[in-house]
Protein backbone atom coordinates (compact mmCIF):
# COMPACT_ATOMS: atom_id res chain seq x y z
CA MET A 1 -1.65 11.86 -18.60
CA ASN A 2 1.62 10.70 -20.20
CA SER A 3 0.79 8.67 -23.27
CA ALA A 4 3.43 6.16 -22.37
CA ALA A 5 1.48 5.35 -19.23
CA ARG A 6 -1.75 4.65 -21.03
CA LEU A 7 -2.27 0.90 -20.82
CA SER A 8 -2.73 -0.98 -24.09
CA MET A 9 -5.03 -3.92 -23.38
CA SER A 10 -5.18 -7.11 -25.46
CA GLY A 11 -8.29 -9.12 -25.87
CA LEU A 12 -6.94 -11.59 -23.26
CA ASP A 13 -6.45 -8.80 -20.79
CA ILE A 14 -9.97 -7.46 -21.22
CA THR A 15 -11.36 -10.98 -20.88
CA LEU A 16 -9.46 -11.53 -17.64
CA VAL A 17 -10.79 -8.26 -16.20
CA ALA A 18 -14.32 -9.16 -17.20
CA LEU A 19 -14.09 -12.62 -15.69
CA TYR A 20 -12.71 -11.20 -12.46
CA LEU A 21 -15.65 -8.74 -12.09
CA PHE A 22 -18.24 -11.40 -12.82
CA GLY A 23 -16.44 -13.91 -10.64
CA ILE A 24 -16.06 -11.68 -7.55
CA VAL A 25 -19.65 -10.38 -7.63
CA GLY A 26 -20.85 -13.90 -8.16
CA LEU A 27 -18.78 -15.18 -5.24
CA GLY A 28 -20.28 -12.52 -2.95
CA LEU A 29 -23.85 -13.46 -4.02
CA TRP A 30 -23.06 -17.17 -3.59
CA ALA A 31 -21.88 -16.53 0.00
CA TRP A 32 -25.27 -14.79 0.65
CA LYS A 33 -27.20 -17.67 -0.96
CA ARG A 34 -25.41 -20.30 1.13
CA ARG A 35 -26.41 -18.59 4.36
CA ARG A 36 -29.72 -17.13 3.20
CA THR A 37 -31.70 -19.36 5.60
CA HIS A 38 -30.03 -17.50 8.47
CA GLN A 39 -30.04 -13.96 6.97
CA ALA A 40 -32.95 -12.93 9.23
CA SER A 41 -30.37 -12.87 12.00
CA SER A 42 -28.60 -9.62 12.39
CA ALA A 43 -25.67 -11.48 13.95
CA GLN A 44 -25.26 -13.40 10.65
CA TYR A 45 -25.45 -10.26 8.59
CA PHE A 46 -23.16 -8.01 10.56
CA LEU A 47 -20.73 -10.49 12.21
CA ALA A 48 -20.99 -13.57 9.95
CA GLY A 49 -22.48 -15.46 12.88
CA SER A 50 -19.22 -15.18 14.81
CA SER A 51 -17.83 -18.01 12.65
CA LEU A 52 -14.63 -16.55 11.23
CA ARG A 53 -11.33 -18.42 11.61
CA TRP A 54 -7.95 -16.80 11.69
CA PRO A 55 -6.83 -17.39 8.07
CA VAL A 56 -9.96 -15.70 6.74
CA ILE A 57 -9.65 -12.86 9.30
CA GLY A 58 -6.03 -12.32 8.43
CA LEU A 59 -6.64 -12.23 4.73
CA ALA A 60 -9.69 -10.03 5.04
CA LEU A 61 -7.88 -7.52 7.30
CA PHE A 62 -5.09 -7.24 4.79
CA SER A 63 -7.49 -6.88 1.78
CA THR A 64 -9.61 -4.22 3.49
CA ASN A 65 -6.54 -2.30 4.45
CA ILE A 66 -4.95 -2.36 1.02
CA SER A 67 -6.71 -0.12 -1.45
CA THR A 68 -5.94 1.33 -4.85
CA ILE A 69 -4.25 4.24 -2.94
CA HIS A 70 -1.57 1.73 -1.78
CA LEU A 71 -0.84 0.26 -5.29
CA VAL A 72 -0.65 3.60 -7.06
CA SER A 73 0.36 6.19 -4.44
CA LEU A 74 3.01 3.99 -2.71
CA ALA A 75 4.56 3.37 -6.10
CA GLN A 76 4.52 7.13 -6.60
CA GLU A 77 6.18 7.63 -3.23
CA GLY A 78 8.76 4.87 -4.07
CA TYR A 79 9.65 6.77 -7.28
CA VAL A 80 10.01 10.10 -5.40
CA ASN A 81 11.19 9.09 -1.88
CA GLY A 82 12.44 5.51 -2.14
CA LEU A 83 11.44 3.16 0.69
CA ALA A 84 10.67 5.81 3.33
CA TYR A 85 6.88 5.55 3.11
CA GLY A 86 7.16 1.82 3.57
CA ASN A 87 7.14 2.67 7.31
CA PHE A 88 3.29 2.92 7.05
CA GLU A 89 3.27 -0.75 6.17
CA TRP A 90 5.92 -2.21 8.42
CA MET A 91 4.98 -0.21 11.52
CA ALA A 92 1.51 -1.60 11.16
CA ALA A 93 2.82 -5.06 12.20
CA PHE A 94 3.69 -3.78 15.71
CA LEU A 95 0.15 -2.35 16.13
CA LEU A 96 -1.37 -5.59 15.00
CA ILE A 97 0.57 -7.30 17.79
CA VAL A 98 -1.01 -4.76 20.20
CA LEU A 99 -4.52 -5.59 18.79
CA ALA A 100 -3.89 -9.36 19.23
CA LEU A 101 -2.50 -9.13 22.76
CA PHE A 102 -4.39 -6.29 24.42
CA PHE A 103 -7.65 -5.45 22.58
CA ALA A 104 -8.92 -8.58 20.80
CA PRO A 105 -9.50 -10.54 24.07
CA PHE A 106 -11.77 -7.86 25.43
CA TYR A 107 -13.64 -7.46 22.20
CA ILE A 108 -14.48 -11.19 22.11
CA ARG A 109 -15.14 -11.62 25.78
CA SER A 110 -17.58 -8.74 25.80
CA ARG A 111 -19.18 -10.09 22.58
CA VAL A 112 -19.75 -6.60 21.16
CA ALA A 113 -20.90 -6.06 17.60
CA THR A 114 -19.25 -2.64 17.35
CA LEU A 115 -16.46 -0.67 18.94
CA PRO A 116 -18.76 2.06 20.12
CA ASP A 117 -20.65 -0.73 21.94
CA PHE A 118 -17.32 -1.58 23.61
CA LEU A 119 -16.91 2.04 24.73
CA GLU A 120 -20.34 2.03 26.37
CA LYS A 121 -19.41 -1.10 28.32
CA ARG A 122 -16.13 0.34 29.39
CA TYR A 123 -17.17 4.01 29.84
CA SER A 124 -20.72 5.25 29.05
CA ARG A 125 -23.41 5.67 26.46
CA ALA A 126 -22.23 9.17 25.64
CA SER A 127 -18.83 7.85 24.59
CA ARG A 128 -20.56 5.27 22.42
CA ASP A 129 -22.70 7.84 20.57
CA TRP A 130 -19.84 10.12 19.83
CA LEU A 131 -17.63 7.33 18.51
CA ALA A 132 -20.46 5.90 16.42
CA GLY A 133 -20.98 9.20 14.59
CA LEU A 134 -17.25 9.79 14.17
CA SER A 135 -16.66 6.26 12.80
CA ILE A 136 -19.44 6.59 10.25
CA VAL A 137 -18.05 9.89 8.99
CA SER A 138 -14.45 8.47 8.79
CA ALA A 139 -15.59 5.37 6.93
CA VAL A 140 -17.56 7.41 4.31
CA PHE A 141 -14.98 10.16 3.78
CA ILE A 142 -11.72 8.25 4.33
CA HIS A 143 -12.17 4.52 3.51
CA ILE A 144 -14.78 4.82 0.73
CA GLY A 145 -14.25 8.36 -0.61
CA PHE A 146 -10.48 8.22 -1.08
CA SER A 147 -10.66 4.68 -2.45
CA LEU A 148 -13.34 5.46 -5.08
CA TYR A 149 -11.57 8.55 -6.25
CA THR A 150 -8.13 6.97 -6.48
CA GLY A 151 -9.52 3.98 -8.27
CA ALA A 152 -11.29 6.20 -10.76
CA VAL A 153 -8.15 8.18 -11.42
CA VAL A 154 -6.25 4.95 -12.11
CA LEU A 155 -8.97 3.55 -14.37
CA ARG A 156 -8.99 6.80 -16.34
CA GLY A 157 -5.26 6.56 -16.73
CA LEU A 158 -5.26 2.90 -17.71
CA PHE A 159 -8.38 2.69 -19.80
CA GLY A 160 -9.53 6.28 -20.47
CA ILE A 161 -12.76 5.84 -18.49
CA ASP A 162 -14.35 8.96 -17.19
CA ILE A 163 -13.81 9.52 -13.43
CA ASN A 164 -17.47 9.92 -12.49
CA THR A 165 -18.42 6.90 -14.56
CA SER A 166 -15.81 4.77 -12.83
CA ILE A 167 -16.94 5.92 -9.35
CA ILE A 168 -20.56 5.06 -10.05
CA VAL A 169 -20.05 1.66 -11.75
CA THR A 170 -17.47 0.51 -9.14
CA ALA A 171 -19.73 1.59 -6.30
CA LEU A 172 -22.72 -0.19 -7.71
CA LEU A 173 -20.86 -3.51 -8.36
CA THR A 174 -19.31 -3.46 -4.88
CA GLY A 175 -22.48 -2.31 -3.19
CA LEU A 176 -24.45 -5.15 -4.75
CA TYR A 177 -22.87 -8.09 -2.95
CA THR A 178 -22.17 -6.03 0.18
CA VAL A 179 -25.82 -5.06 0.59
CA VAL A 180 -27.22 -8.52 0.11
CA GLY A 181 -24.43 -10.58 1.69
CA GLY A 182 -23.31 -8.68 4.78
CA LEU A 183 -19.97 -9.46 6.44
CA LEU A 184 -19.82 -13.05 5.32
CA ALA A 185 -19.94 -12.00 1.66
CA VAL A 186 -17.38 -9.35 2.36
CA VAL A 187 -14.76 -11.54 3.98
CA VAL A 188 -15.24 -14.39 1.42
CA THR A 189 -14.61 -11.96 -1.47
CA GLU A 190 -11.78 -10.25 0.39
CA SER A 191 -9.92 -13.53 0.90
CA VAL A 192 -9.95 -14.16 -2.87
CA GLN A 193 -9.15 -10.49 -3.66
CA THR A 194 -6.05 -10.68 -1.41
CA VAL A 195 -4.67 -13.58 -3.51
CA VAL A 196 -5.39 -11.61 -6.78
CA LEU A 197 -3.88 -8.45 -5.29
CA ILE A 198 -0.65 -10.17 -4.23
CA LEU A 199 -0.33 -12.08 -7.54
CA GLY A 200 -0.82 -9.03 -9.70
CA SER A 201 1.60 -6.91 -7.62
CA ALA A 202 4.23 -9.66 -7.69
CA CYS A 203 4.05 -9.75 -11.43
CA VAL A 204 4.81 -5.99 -11.64
CA LEU A 205 7.76 -6.31 -9.22
CA GLY A 206 9.15 -9.50 -10.76
CA PHE A 207 9.17 -8.27 -14.33
CA GLY A 208 10.42 -4.82 -13.26
CA LEU A 209 13.43 -6.31 -11.45
CA ALA A 210 14.08 -8.58 -14.46
CA ARG A 211 14.08 -5.54 -16.75
CA ILE A 212 16.55 -3.53 -14.57
CA GLY A 213 18.82 -6.47 -14.14
CA GLY A 214 18.13 -7.78 -10.68
CA TRP A 215 18.63 -6.48 -7.15
CA GLY A 216 22.27 -5.67 -7.64
CA ALA A 217 21.52 -3.53 -10.68
CA LEU A 218 18.78 -1.73 -8.76
CA VAL A 219 21.17 -0.90 -5.93
CA ALA A 220 23.70 0.42 -8.43
CA ALA A 221 21.11 2.52 -10.26
CA VAL A 222 19.64 4.48 -7.30
CA GLU A 223 21.07 6.55 -4.51
CA PRO A 224 21.78 4.54 -1.31
CA VAL A 225 19.48 6.71 0.84
CA LYS A 226 16.48 5.58 -1.29
CA LEU A 227 16.94 2.02 -0.05
CA THR A 228 16.54 3.05 3.63
CA VAL A 229 13.25 3.42 5.52
CA LEU A 230 14.40 5.65 8.41
CA ARG A 231 15.62 9.13 7.39
CA THR A 232 16.67 12.32 8.97
CA ALA A 233 14.62 15.50 8.64
CA ALA A 234 17.13 16.83 6.10
CA GLU A 235 16.72 13.76 3.96
CA THR A 236 12.90 13.48 4.07
CA PRO A 237 11.40 16.59 5.79
CA THR A 238 7.80 15.23 5.66
CA LEU A 239 8.71 11.88 7.35
CA PRO A 240 11.81 11.97 9.56
CA TRP A 241 12.49 8.91 11.70
CA TYR A 242 11.34 10.40 14.90
CA ALA A 243 7.89 11.25 13.30
CA VAL A 244 7.58 7.57 12.42
CA PHE A 245 8.16 6.37 15.96
CA LEU A 246 6.13 9.08 17.67
CA GLY A 247 3.32 9.67 15.24
CA TYR A 248 2.59 6.34 13.63
CA PRO A 249 1.58 4.55 16.85
CA VAL A 250 -1.08 7.17 17.34
CA ILE A 251 -2.73 6.73 13.94
CA GLY A 252 -1.91 3.01 13.87
CA LEU A 253 -3.62 2.23 17.12
CA TRP A 254 -6.75 4.06 15.97
CA TYR A 255 -6.69 2.35 12.57
CA TRP A 256 -5.82 -1.20 13.59
CA CYS A 257 -7.29 -1.39 17.08
CA ALA A 258 -10.16 1.07 17.23
CA ASP A 259 -11.50 1.57 13.72
CA GLN A 260 -14.74 -0.32 13.06
CA THR A 261 -14.00 -0.81 9.34
CA ILE A 262 -10.89 -2.85 10.21
CA VAL A 263 -11.71 -4.44 13.54
CA GLN A 264 -15.11 -5.71 12.49
CA ARG A 265 -13.35 -8.80 11.00
CA VAL A 266 -11.92 -9.59 14.45
CA LEU A 267 -15.38 -9.07 16.06
CA GLY A 268 -16.75 -11.87 13.83
CA ALA A 269 -14.11 -14.34 15.07
CA LYS A 270 -15.22 -17.77 16.14
CA ASP A 271 -13.35 -17.51 19.47
CA GLU A 272 -10.58 -15.62 21.30
CA ARG A 273 -7.82 -17.73 19.78
CA ASN A 274 -8.88 -16.99 16.21
CA ALA A 275 -9.41 -13.32 17.14
CA ARG A 276 -5.72 -13.18 18.27
CA LEU A 277 -4.11 -15.19 15.42
CA GLY A 278 -6.00 -13.40 12.64
CA PRO A 279 -4.31 -9.95 13.21
CA LEU A 280 -0.91 -11.66 13.69
CA PHE A 281 -1.33 -13.38 10.30
CA THR A 282 -2.09 -9.99 8.87
CA GLY A 283 1.14 -8.67 10.47
CA PHE A 284 3.15 -11.21 8.47
CA LEU A 285 1.35 -10.22 5.29
CA LYS A 286 2.21 -6.54 6.01
CA VAL A 287 5.85 -7.38 5.25
CA LEU A 288 4.88 -7.72 1.64
CA PRO A 289 3.61 -4.15 0.64
CA VAL A 290 7.03 -2.57 0.92
CA PHE A 291 8.29 -4.96 -1.75
CA LEU A 292 5.10 -5.27 -3.74
CA PHE A 293 3.89 -1.68 -3.75
CA VAL A 294 6.72 0.70 -2.83
CA LEU A 295 9.67 -1.10 -4.36
CA PRO A 296 8.12 -1.14 -7.90
CA GLY A 297 8.18 2.70 -7.85
CA LEU A 298 11.94 2.62 -6.94
CA VAL A 299 12.46 0.08 -9.74
CA ALA A 300 10.77 2.52 -12.14
CA TYR A 301 13.12 5.29 -10.92
CA GLY A 302 16.12 3.08 -11.51
CA LEU A 303 14.84 2.18 -15.07
CA VAL A 304 14.49 5.90 -15.80
CA ARG A 305 17.99 6.61 -14.65
CA GLN A 306 19.24 3.71 -16.86
CA GLY A 307 17.34 5.22 -19.81
CA ALA A 308 15.26 2.01 -20.10
CA LEU A 309 12.05 3.93 -19.36
CA PRO A 310 10.83 7.42 -20.29
CA ALA A 311 10.44 9.73 -17.28
CA PRO A 312 6.74 10.14 -16.53
CA GLU A 313 5.29 13.65 -16.89
CA ASN A 314 3.61 13.18 -13.54
CA SER A 315 4.93 10.91 -10.78
CA ALA A 316 1.37 9.72 -10.17
CA ASP A 317 1.63 7.85 -13.54
CA VAL A 318 4.60 5.70 -12.39
CA TYR A 319 2.55 2.59 -11.73
CA SER A 320 0.70 2.71 -15.03
CA LEU A 321 4.02 3.41 -16.92
CA LEU A 322 5.57 0.36 -15.30
CA VAL A 323 2.68 -1.93 -15.96
CA ASN A 324 2.48 -0.86 -19.64
CA ARG A 325 6.21 -1.17 -20.29
CA VAL A 326 7.28 -4.28 -18.43
CA LEU A 327 4.31 -6.70 -18.47
CA PRO A 328 3.32 -8.99 -21.33
CA ALA A 329 -0.24 -9.44 -22.57
CA GLY A 330 -2.47 -11.38 -20.20
CA LEU A 331 -0.56 -10.23 -17.11
CA LYS A 332 -1.74 -6.70 -17.64
CA GLY A 333 -5.26 -8.05 -17.15
CA VAL A 334 -4.18 -9.73 -13.88
CA VAL A 335 -2.77 -6.40 -12.64
CA ALA A 336 -5.91 -4.56 -13.68
CA ALA A 337 -7.93 -7.09 -11.76
CA ALA A 338 -5.63 -6.54 -8.76
CA LEU A 339 -6.35 -2.77 -8.88
CA LEU A 340 -10.06 -3.52 -8.93
CA ALA A 341 -9.57 -6.01 -6.05
CA ALA A 342 -7.88 -3.43 -3.92
CA LEU A 343 -10.57 -0.92 -4.57
CA MET A 344 -13.61 -3.19 -4.12
CA SER A 345 -12.37 -4.91 -0.96
CA THR A 346 -11.72 -1.57 0.85
CA VAL A 347 -15.06 -0.15 -0.16
CA SER A 348 -17.05 -3.28 0.69
CA GLY A 349 -15.44 -3.52 4.16
CA ALA A 350 -16.21 0.11 4.95
CA LEU A 351 -19.80 -0.21 3.72
CA ASN A 352 -20.40 -3.21 5.98
CA SER A 353 -19.06 -1.35 9.02
CA ILE A 354 -21.25 1.64 8.33
CA ALA A 355 -24.27 -0.62 8.16
CA THR A 356 -23.33 -2.22 11.51
CA LEU A 357 -22.59 1.09 13.23
CA PHE A 358 -25.77 2.81 12.08
CA THR A 359 -28.10 -0.14 12.80
CA LEU A 360 -26.77 -1.33 16.14
CA ASP A 361 -25.45 1.95 17.67
CA ILE A 362 -28.03 4.44 16.37
CA TYR A 363 -31.19 2.86 14.96
CA LYS A 364 -31.52 0.16 17.63
CA ARG A 365 -31.35 2.85 20.30
CA TRP A 366 -34.47 4.48 18.84
CA ARG A 367 -36.16 1.13 18.11
CA PRO A 368 -34.91 -1.33 20.77
CA GLN A 369 -37.70 -3.83 20.02
CA ALA A 370 -37.04 -3.95 16.20
CA SER A 371 -37.04 -7.42 14.76
CA GLU A 372 -33.96 -9.18 13.43
CA LYS A 373 -35.38 -8.90 9.88
CA ARG A 374 -35.90 -5.21 10.37
CA LEU A 375 -32.38 -4.61 11.63
CA THR A 376 -30.95 -6.35 8.53
CA PHE A 377 -33.11 -4.25 6.27
CA VAL A 378 -31.97 -1.03 8.01
CA GLY A 379 -28.33 -2.15 7.60
CA ARG A 380 -28.81 -2.59 3.90
CA ALA A 381 -30.54 0.79 3.58
CA ALA A 382 -27.64 2.45 5.46
CA THR A 383 -25.25 0.83 3.02
CA VAL A 384 -27.06 2.33 0.03
CA VAL A 385 -27.20 5.84 1.60
CA ALA A 386 -23.46 5.81 2.61
CA MET A 387 -22.46 4.77 -0.90
CA ALA A 388 -24.50 7.60 -2.35
CA VAL A 389 -22.81 10.18 -0.08
CA ALA A 390 -19.38 8.78 -0.93
CA ILE A 391 -20.14 9.01 -4.65
CA LEU A 392 -20.92 12.72 -4.19
CA TRP A 393 -17.81 13.40 -2.05
CA SER A 394 -15.23 11.46 -4.00
CA PRO A 395 -14.65 13.96 -6.81
CA LEU A 396 -13.94 16.73 -4.29
CA ILE A 397 -10.78 14.79 -3.11
CA SER A 398 -8.90 16.19 -6.14
CA HIS A 399 -8.05 19.12 -3.77
CA PHE A 400 -5.18 17.12 -2.35
CA GLN A 401 -1.88 17.30 -4.17
CA SER A 402 -0.82 13.84 -3.01
CA LEU A 403 -3.58 11.32 -2.25
CA PHE A 404 -1.47 9.11 0.06
CA GLN A 405 -0.21 12.05 2.10
CA GLY A 406 -3.71 13.61 1.94
CA ILE A 407 -5.39 10.55 3.52
CA THR A 408 -2.59 10.26 6.06
CA ALA A 409 -3.16 13.91 7.14
CA VAL A 410 -6.84 13.41 7.57
CA ILE A 411 -6.31 10.36 9.71
CA CYS A 412 -3.69 12.13 11.83
CA TYR A 413 -6.34 14.74 12.89
CA ILE A 414 -9.09 12.22 13.58
CA ALA A 415 -7.05 9.55 15.49
CA PRO A 416 -5.62 11.19 18.69
CA PRO A 417 -8.71 11.42 20.93
CA ILE A 418 -9.96 7.94 19.97
CA THR A 419 -6.48 6.46 20.50
CA ALA A 420 -6.18 8.07 23.93
CA VAL A 421 -9.60 6.87 25.03
CA PHE A 422 -9.06 3.23 23.88
CA LEU A 423 -5.42 2.91 25.04
CA TRP A 424 -5.92 4.34 28.54
CA GLY A 425 -9.30 2.59 28.72
CA VAL A 426 -7.76 -0.90 28.65
CA LEU A 427 -4.53 -0.14 30.45
CA TRP A 428 -5.55 2.20 33.23
CA PRO A 429 -8.45 1.30 35.48
CA LYS A 430 -8.89 4.92 36.70
CA ALA A 431 -9.81 6.23 33.19
CA SER A 432 -13.33 7.61 33.70
CA ALA A 433 -16.51 7.93 31.69
CA VAL A 434 -16.59 11.76 32.15
CA ALA A 435 -12.95 12.00 31.04
CA ALA A 436 -13.58 9.83 28.01
CA ARG A 437 -16.47 11.97 26.87
CA ILE A 438 -14.61 15.27 27.32
CA THR A 439 -11.54 13.87 25.65
CA LEU A 440 -13.45 12.65 22.59
CA MET A 441 -15.29 16.00 22.19
CA ALA A 442 -12.32 18.33 22.92
CA GLY A 443 -9.85 16.14 20.93
CA SER A 444 -12.13 16.12 17.91
CA ALA A 445 -12.57 19.90 18.04
CA LEU A 446 -8.74 20.33 18.36
CA GLY A 447 -8.15 17.98 15.49
CA PHE A 448 -10.58 19.81 13.21
CA ALA A 449 -8.98 23.16 14.16
CA VAL A 450 -5.49 21.81 13.27
CA PHE A 451 -6.87 20.34 10.08
CA LEU A 452 -8.10 23.84 9.02
CA LEU A 453 -4.72 25.31 9.87
CA ASP A 454 -3.06 22.72 7.62
CA TRP A 455 -5.70 23.06 4.84
CA PHE A 456 -5.16 26.80 4.66
CA LYS A 457 -1.43 26.74 5.46
CA ASP A 458 -0.68 29.14 2.64
CA ARG A 459 -2.46 31.75 4.73
CA THR A 460 -1.80 30.47 8.24
CA GLY A 461 1.85 29.61 7.83
CA TRP A 462 1.30 26.18 9.46
CA ASN A 463 4.28 24.00 8.79
CA VAL A 464 4.10 21.15 11.37
CA PRO A 465 4.30 17.75 9.68
CA SER A 466 1.05 15.83 10.16
CA MET A 467 2.78 12.91 11.81
CA MET A 468 4.20 15.14 14.52
CA ALA A 469 0.88 17.03 14.77
CA THR A 470 -0.86 13.80 15.62
CA PHE A 471 1.65 12.99 18.36
CA TYR A 472 1.26 16.45 19.95
CA LEU A 473 -2.58 16.13 19.82
CA PHE A 474 -2.39 12.68 21.45
CA VAL A 475 -0.30 14.11 24.28
CA VAL A 476 -2.89 16.85 24.89
CA CYS A 477 -5.75 14.35 24.71
CA SER A 478 -3.98 12.03 27.16
CA GLY A 479 -3.41 14.90 29.51
CA ILE A 480 -7.10 15.87 29.38
CA LEU A 481 -8.17 12.27 30.07
CA ILE A 482 -5.77 11.73 32.99
CA VAL A 483 -6.53 15.08 34.69
CA VAL A 484 -10.29 14.72 34.39
CA SER A 485 -10.17 11.11 35.49
CA LEU A 486 -8.36 12.14 38.68
CA LEU A 487 -10.84 14.91 39.32
CA ARG A 488 -13.94 12.84 38.38
CA PRO A 489 -13.10 9.24 39.28
CA HIS A 490 -14.74 6.34 37.44
CA VAL A 491 -17.26 4.08 39.18
CA HIS A 492 -16.74 0.71 37.76
CA THR A 493 -19.49 -1.83 37.07
CA GLU A 494 -18.77 -5.57 37.22
CA GLU A 495 -18.67 -5.57 33.45
CA SER A 496 -16.39 -2.53 32.96
CA ALA A 497 -13.91 -3.85 35.57
CA ARG A 498 -13.38 -6.98 33.40
CA LEU A 499 -12.43 -4.76 30.41
CA VAL A 500 -9.23 -3.37 31.85
CA TRP A 501 -5.89 -5.12 32.27
CA LYS A 502 -4.89 -4.82 35.88
CA ARG A 503 -1.37 -5.26 34.72
CA PRO A 504 -0.26 -5.33 31.01
CA ALA A 505 1.54 -8.68 31.63
CA ASP A 506 -1.85 -10.28 32.26
CA ALA A 507 -2.41 -10.23 28.48
CA LEU A 508 0.21 -12.98 28.21
CA ARG A 509 -1.31 -15.25 30.76
CA GLY A 510 -3.46 -18.25 29.99
CA PRO A 511 -3.11 -21.78 28.61
CA TRP A 512 -0.54 -22.53 25.92
CA GLY A 513 -1.08 -24.19 22.65
CA PRO A 514 -1.72 -25.71 20.33
CA GLY A 515 2.04 -26.16 19.65
CA LEU A 516 3.79 -23.47 17.66
CA PHE A 517 0.42 -21.73 16.95
CA ASP A 518 0.28 -20.26 20.46
CA TYR A 519 -0.44 -16.57 19.95
CA ARG A 520 2.50 -15.54 22.18
CA LEU A 521 5.04 -17.42 20.13
CA VAL A 522 3.55 -16.11 16.89
CA ALA A 523 3.59 -12.52 18.21
CA LEU A 524 7.23 -12.88 19.27
CA ALA A 525 8.19 -14.34 15.85
CA LEU A 526 6.42 -11.39 14.19
CA PHE A 527 8.18 -8.86 16.37
CA LEU A 528 11.62 -10.35 15.76
CA LEU A 529 11.01 -10.42 11.99
CA MET A 530 10.01 -6.77 11.88
CA ALA A 531 12.97 -5.79 14.14
CA GLY A 532 15.23 -7.64 11.73
CA LEU A 533 13.78 -5.87 8.65
CA TYR A 534 14.36 -2.48 10.29
CA ALA A 535 17.88 -3.50 11.18
CA VAL A 536 18.55 -4.41 7.49
CA PHE A 537 16.72 -1.47 5.84
CA GLY A 538 16.95 1.18 8.50
């Protein structure tokens, strides 16, 4: 660790961090206490009683998505590659539009508690079982495991805390309010954590730009290509522009539209309108990470080129170096709180989704007559077990050379079959139950095989970028689903027939209003904003 990157904390900074930790845990427990008279209801515990409105949904989606990986690894990518990896943030807005228009209405109308439950209503019980198991595994090993390890690395760099100690303490604090409070405690704390996260990150960017001399000085200090998001294969071999447009929709549709950890906030919406507007609000928030998380790394690169900052020994230390060198006392504590907010919000969201999946998709199948109180207890127990497994797995993540590219690669090999089954399931009435089951099983096996090829690429010679590999896998999975569906047609029930758009344009039909908050107008505004950003920075 570069000694220049080690964070020197004043008494005020330490006080702010301590107040944040006590405050966020206390807020989660308060949310539980306020609804404790209803906690015997599993609907209250897992879906917050279907009471969530769009501002809370939007903030919670953003907070669950943004983890310590984003703050630290995106700054690292900004330092090394400029704005290129900002595509993972801006492309998300287009997939959130897809969630709001095409998926959220069916999720709310079918009143499902989990996405595997939705697959059973659309396809069959076999599809539900497979997705439930895969979703639990991905939540433990991707959302929680990567977040805990990255957070521990950052805390070691900033405060010198042992990695294993950081993992255990953070897990226990986050698990406390998640276990007792359920989804309500999660979304209430996530809403506050989003504000802390944005404020802390804005401080780093603002003081960094002030140090370098403003936007004009930054432009003069770095190569022009670093200020663009779309690159050729020669400029950025790991992320050429065509891989962004072909590969990201595959992983993005899984992540934003079919991943329980993320979509559970939408499932807890008060009604269809709030379920649509919540993701669109998140889409507008997703404009910020490129400036708040990626750009600071580029600012650090410019400061190093100016001679105003020492070059870090390891690019992973860029965020710590920037915080230590540009922020005054007090604000360092705010940024440290933001790092903890990013970590805790992601972990708490994943824990709650695991509890929901295990209880409603697995346990309730064995014990269909279980009481509401029993279901809530099982959910809490599943949370504890999942956290224990994640604690054991987290240190093994050190195998990856780049955490952000590592987590992206894992997602690229998990997403294709799930994306194919969900996408064709709501857009093509002929997608059949047999085809969905075969696609999920065969696609998962293919994804695991490609993952092994990539993991041992020094021996196998595998050199296909993960973003292109996910596109190729999606094409194969779609082919399997289409062919099998034509050979083994689907027999729709009255319920499953209602979960397919007869025509995609039907998603835009319905009464308008109120005013400018009609979801179609909001979606159009978001689309035009993102198109404009790509026109400026492309």
